[in-house]
Amino acid sequence: VAQAPGVGGAFARTGYGASAAAAGQHVKGAPGRVLTLTAWNGDTAPVWVKLFDTAAAPGLGTDAAAWEAMVPPGGTLVVPFGALGLSFGAGIAVGFSGAQGLKAANKAGVSLALT
């Protein structure tokens, strides 16, 4: 994963609410760029939001994340990746994990602006 200029493509927003199992979610099955990431955590423990460079749903705990950051308990994380965005060559997938796991469905979520 690297910052790189894109070649055209439509701008889109997508949202994902984490499940209790924190399963990974396939977002885009082709190369693309994440321009902005906004993640929230309604849980009482930190969670990690992870982006994967893959054209399929990732296996959390088995597939290596291309990018990840911690979202504090009760907090929000906003990451603007700049005008070039964060480039993914295979596709884009997102997932969540936490040392204690997510206690209930939709305790965390993410919104992505991507091309």
C-alpha atoms as a PDB file:
ATOM      1  CA  VAL A   1       0.000   0.000   0.000  1.00  0.00           C
ATOM      2  CA  ALA A   2       1.393   3.368  -0.986  1.00  0.00           C
ATOM      3  CA  GLN A   3       0.309   6.868  -1.742  1.00  0.00           C
ATOM      4  CA  ALA A   4       0.076   7.240  -5.494  1.00  0.00           C
ATOM      5  CA  PRO A   5      -1.905   9.263  -8.005  1.00  0.00           C
ATOM      6  CA  GLY A   6      -4.926   7.445  -9.308  1.00  0.00           C
ATOM      7  CA  VAL A   7      -6.103   6.998 -12.844  1.00  0.00           C
ATOM      8  CA  GLY A   8      -9.644   8.304 -13.008  1.00  0.00           C
ATOM      9  CA  GLY A   9     -12.425   6.505 -11.215  1.00  0.00           C
ATOM     10  CA  ALA A  10     -15.593   7.569  -9.493  1.00  0.00           C
ATOM     11  CA  PHE A  11     -15.601   9.023  -5.996  1.00  0.00           C
ATOM     12  CA  ALA A  12     -17.720   6.989  -3.578  1.00  0.00           C
ATOM     13  CA  ARG A  13     -18.495   6.700   0.122  1.00  0.00           C
ATOM     14  CA  THR A  14     -19.092   3.424   1.853  1.00  0.00           C
ATOM     15  CA  GLY A  15     -19.965   2.551   5.445  1.00  0.00           C
ATOM     16  CA  TYR A  16     -19.428  -0.582   7.502  1.00  0.00           C
ATOM     17  CA  GLY A  17     -20.647  -1.438  11.007  1.00  0.00           C
ATOM     18  CA  ALA A  18     -18.531  -4.003  12.826  1.00  0.00           C
ATOM     19  CA  SER A  19     -20.190  -7.271  13.740  1.00  0.00           C
ATOM     20  CA  ALA A  20     -19.776  -8.948  17.105  1.00  0.00           C
ATOM     21  CA  ALA A  21     -17.427 -11.422  15.416  1.00  0.00           C
ATOM     22  CA  ALA A  22     -15.450  -8.527  13.871  1.00  0.00           C
ATOM     23  CA  ALA A  23     -15.417 -10.267  10.500  1.00  0.00           C
ATOM     24  CA  GLY A  24     -13.673  -8.478   7.656  1.00  0.00           C
ATOM     25  CA  GLN A  25     -15.775  -6.757   5.001  1.00  0.00           C
ATOM     26  CA  HIS A  26     -14.956  -6.619   1.310  1.00  0.00           C
ATOM     27  CA  VAL A  27     -15.394  -3.019   0.084  1.00  0.00           C
ATOM     28  CA  LYS A  28     -14.025  -2.926  -3.477  1.00  0.00           C
ATOM     29  CA  GLY A  29     -12.886  -5.819  -5.670  1.00  0.00           C
ATOM     30  CA  ALA A  30     -10.605  -3.763  -7.913  1.00  0.00           C
ATOM     31  CA  PRO A  31      -7.656  -1.413  -7.415  1.00  0.00           C
ATOM     32  CA  GLY A  32      -8.588   1.844  -5.731  1.00  0.00           C
ATOM     33  CA  ARG A  33      -7.624   4.583  -3.327  1.00  0.00           C
ATOM     34  CA  VAL A  34      -8.917   5.500   0.121  1.00  0.00           C
ATOM     35  CA  LEU A  35      -9.051   9.289   0.368  1.00  0.00           C
ATOM     36  CA  THR A  36     -10.494   9.632   3.872  1.00  0.00           C
ATOM     37  CA  LEU A  37     -11.254   7.197   6.684  1.00  0.00           C
ATOM     38  CA  THR A  38     -13.582   8.022   9.577  1.00  0.00           C
ATOM     39  CA  ALA A  39     -13.893   5.332  12.267  1.00  0.00           C
ATOM     40  CA  TRP A  40     -15.879   5.359  15.512  1.00  0.00           C
ATOM     41  CA  ASN A  41     -15.846   3.190  18.606  1.00  0.00           C
ATOM     42  CA  GLY A  42     -18.796   3.016  21.003  1.00  0.00           C
ATOM     43  CA  ASP A  43     -17.189   0.298  23.099  1.00  0.00           C
ATOM     44  CA  THR A  44     -15.388   0.698  26.438  1.00  0.00           C
ATOM     45  CA  ALA A  45     -12.165  -0.849  25.088  1.00  0.00           C
ATOM     46  CA  PRO A  46      -9.953   0.276  22.194  1.00  0.00           C
ATOM     47  CA  VAL A  47     -10.497  -1.298  18.785  1.00  0.00           C
ATOM     48  CA  TRP A  48      -8.220  -1.389  15.757  1.00  0.00           C
ATOM     49  CA  VAL A  49      -9.554  -0.499  12.326  1.00  0.00           C
ATOM     50  CA  LYS A  50      -7.642  -2.277   9.571  1.00  0.00           C
ATOM     51  CA  LEU A  51      -7.471  -1.872   5.796  1.00  0.00           C
ATOM     52  CA  PHE A  52      -6.485  -4.796   3.589  1.00  0.00           C
ATOM     53  CA  ASP A  53      -5.145  -4.857   0.028  1.00  0.00           C
ATOM     54  CA  THR A  54      -7.288  -7.733  -1.255  1.00  0.00           C
ATOM     55  CA  ALA A  55     -10.069  -8.374  -3.752  1.00  0.00           C
ATOM     56  CA  ALA A  56     -11.935 -10.608  -1.266  1.00  0.00           C
ATOM     57  CA  ALA A  57     -13.060 -10.468   2.358  1.00  0.00           C
ATOM     58  CA  PRO A  58      -9.994 -10.678   4.618  1.00  0.00           C
ATOM     59  CA  GLY A  59      -9.413 -13.270   7.273  1.00  0.00           C
ATOM     60  CA  LEU A  60      -8.869 -11.349  10.494  1.00  0.00           C
ATOM     61  CA  GLY A  61      -6.037 -12.891  12.433  1.00  0.00           C
ATOM     62  CA  THR A  62      -4.649 -14.593   9.332  1.00  0.00           C
ATOM     63  CA  ASP A  63      -4.340 -11.884   6.633  1.00  0.00           C
ATOM     64  CA  ALA A  64      -1.862  -9.071   7.246  1.00  0.00           C
ATOM     65  CA  ALA A  65      -3.354  -5.592   7.276  1.00  0.00           C
ATOM     66  CA  ALA A  66      -1.886  -3.057   4.871  1.00  0.00           C
ATOM     67  CA  TRP A  67      -2.802  -0.201   7.249  1.00  0.00           C
ATOM     68  CA  GLU A  68      -4.193  -0.076  10.784  1.00  0.00           C
ATOM     69  CA  ALA A  69      -4.849   2.391  13.593  1.00  0.00           C
ATOM     70  CA  MET A  70      -6.342   2.337  17.074  1.00  0.00           C
ATOM     71  CA  VAL A  71      -9.712   3.951  17.766  1.00  0.00           C
ATOM     72  CA  PRO A  72      -9.955   4.896  21.448  1.00  0.00           C
ATOM     73  CA  PRO A  73     -12.923   3.863  23.625  1.00  0.00           C
ATOM     74  CA  GLY A  74     -15.866   6.157  22.937  1.00  0.00           C
ATOM     75  CA  GLY A  75     -13.804   7.988  20.341  1.00  0.00           C
ATOM     76  CA  THR A  76     -13.601   8.844  16.679  1.00  0.00           C
ATOM     77  CA  LEU A  77     -10.619   8.693  14.353  1.00  0.00           C
ATOM     78  CA  VAL A  78     -10.493  10.773  11.158  1.00  0.00           C
ATOM     79  CA  VAL A  79      -7.621  10.138   8.742  1.00  0.00           C
ATOM     80  CA  PRO A  80      -7.333  12.222   5.576  1.00  0.00           C
ATOM     81  CA  PHE A  81      -4.863  10.409   3.325  1.00  0.00           C
ATOM     82  CA  GLY A  82      -4.237  13.532   1.252  1.00  0.00           C
ATOM     83  CA  ALA A  83      -5.078  14.378  -2.328  1.00  0.00           C
ATOM     84  CA  LEU A  84      -3.392  11.230  -3.633  1.00  0.00           C
ATOM     85  CA  GLY A  85      -5.078   8.867  -1.194  1.00  0.00           C
ATOM     86  CA  LEU A  86      -3.835   5.512   0.049  1.00  0.00           C
ATOM     87  CA  SER A  87      -3.495   3.245  -2.982  1.00  0.00           C
ATOM     88  CA  PHE A  88      -4.514  -0.442  -3.042  1.00  0.00           C
ATOM     89  CA  GLY A  89      -3.464  -2.633  -5.978  1.00  0.00           C
ATOM     90  CA  ALA A  90      -5.755  -5.659  -5.574  1.00  0.00           C
ATOM     91  CA  GLY A  91      -8.869  -4.257  -3.883  1.00  0.00           C
ATOM     92  CA  ILE A  92     -10.023  -2.758  -0.594  1.00  0.00           C
ATOM     93  CA  ALA A  93     -11.336  -4.529   2.506  1.00  0.00           C
ATOM     94  CA  VAL A  94     -11.849  -3.343   6.082  1.00  0.00           C
ATOM     95  CA  GLY A  95     -12.036  -5.038   9.455  1.00  0.00           C
ATOM     96  CA  PHE A  96     -11.918  -4.421  13.196  1.00  0.00           C
ATOM     97  CA  SER A  97     -10.185  -6.169  16.033  1.00  0.00           C
ATOM     98  CA  GLY A  98      -9.634  -5.562  19.720  1.00  0.00           C
ATOM     99  CA  ALA A  99      -7.658  -7.232  22.447  1.00  0.00           C
ATOM    100  CA  GLN A 100     -10.926  -8.024  24.209  1.00  0.00           C
ATOM    101  CA  GLY A 101     -12.954  -8.456  21.032  1.00  0.00           C
ATOM    102  CA  LEU A 102     -16.079  -6.499  20.235  1.00  0.00           C
ATOM    103  CA  LYS A 103     -18.764  -7.147  22.826  1.00  0.00           C
ATOM    104  CA  ALA A 104     -21.782  -6.428  20.649  1.00  0.00           C
ATOM    105  CA  ALA A 105     -22.689  -5.807  17.053  1.00  0.00           C
ATOM    106  CA  ASN A 106     -22.323  -2.277  15.699  1.00  0.00           C
ATOM    107  CA  LYS A 107     -20.194  -1.021  18.594  1.00  0.00           C
ATOM    108  CA  ALA A 108     -17.703   0.257  16.022  1.00  0.00           C
ATOM    109  CA  GLY A 109     -17.889   1.368  12.434  1.00  0.00           C
ATOM    110  CA  VAL A 110     -16.070   3.055   9.594  1.00  0.00           C
ATOM    111  CA  SER A 111     -16.889   5.287   6.645  1.00  0.00           C
ATOM    112  CA  LEU A 112     -14.525   5.427   3.673  1.00  0.00           C
ATOM    113  CA  ALA A 113     -14.259   7.963   0.868  1.00  0.00           C
ATOM    114  CA  LEU A 114     -12.637   6.133  -2.032  1.00  0.00           C
ATOM    115  CA  THR A 115     -12.095   6.004  -5.764  1.00  0.00           C
END
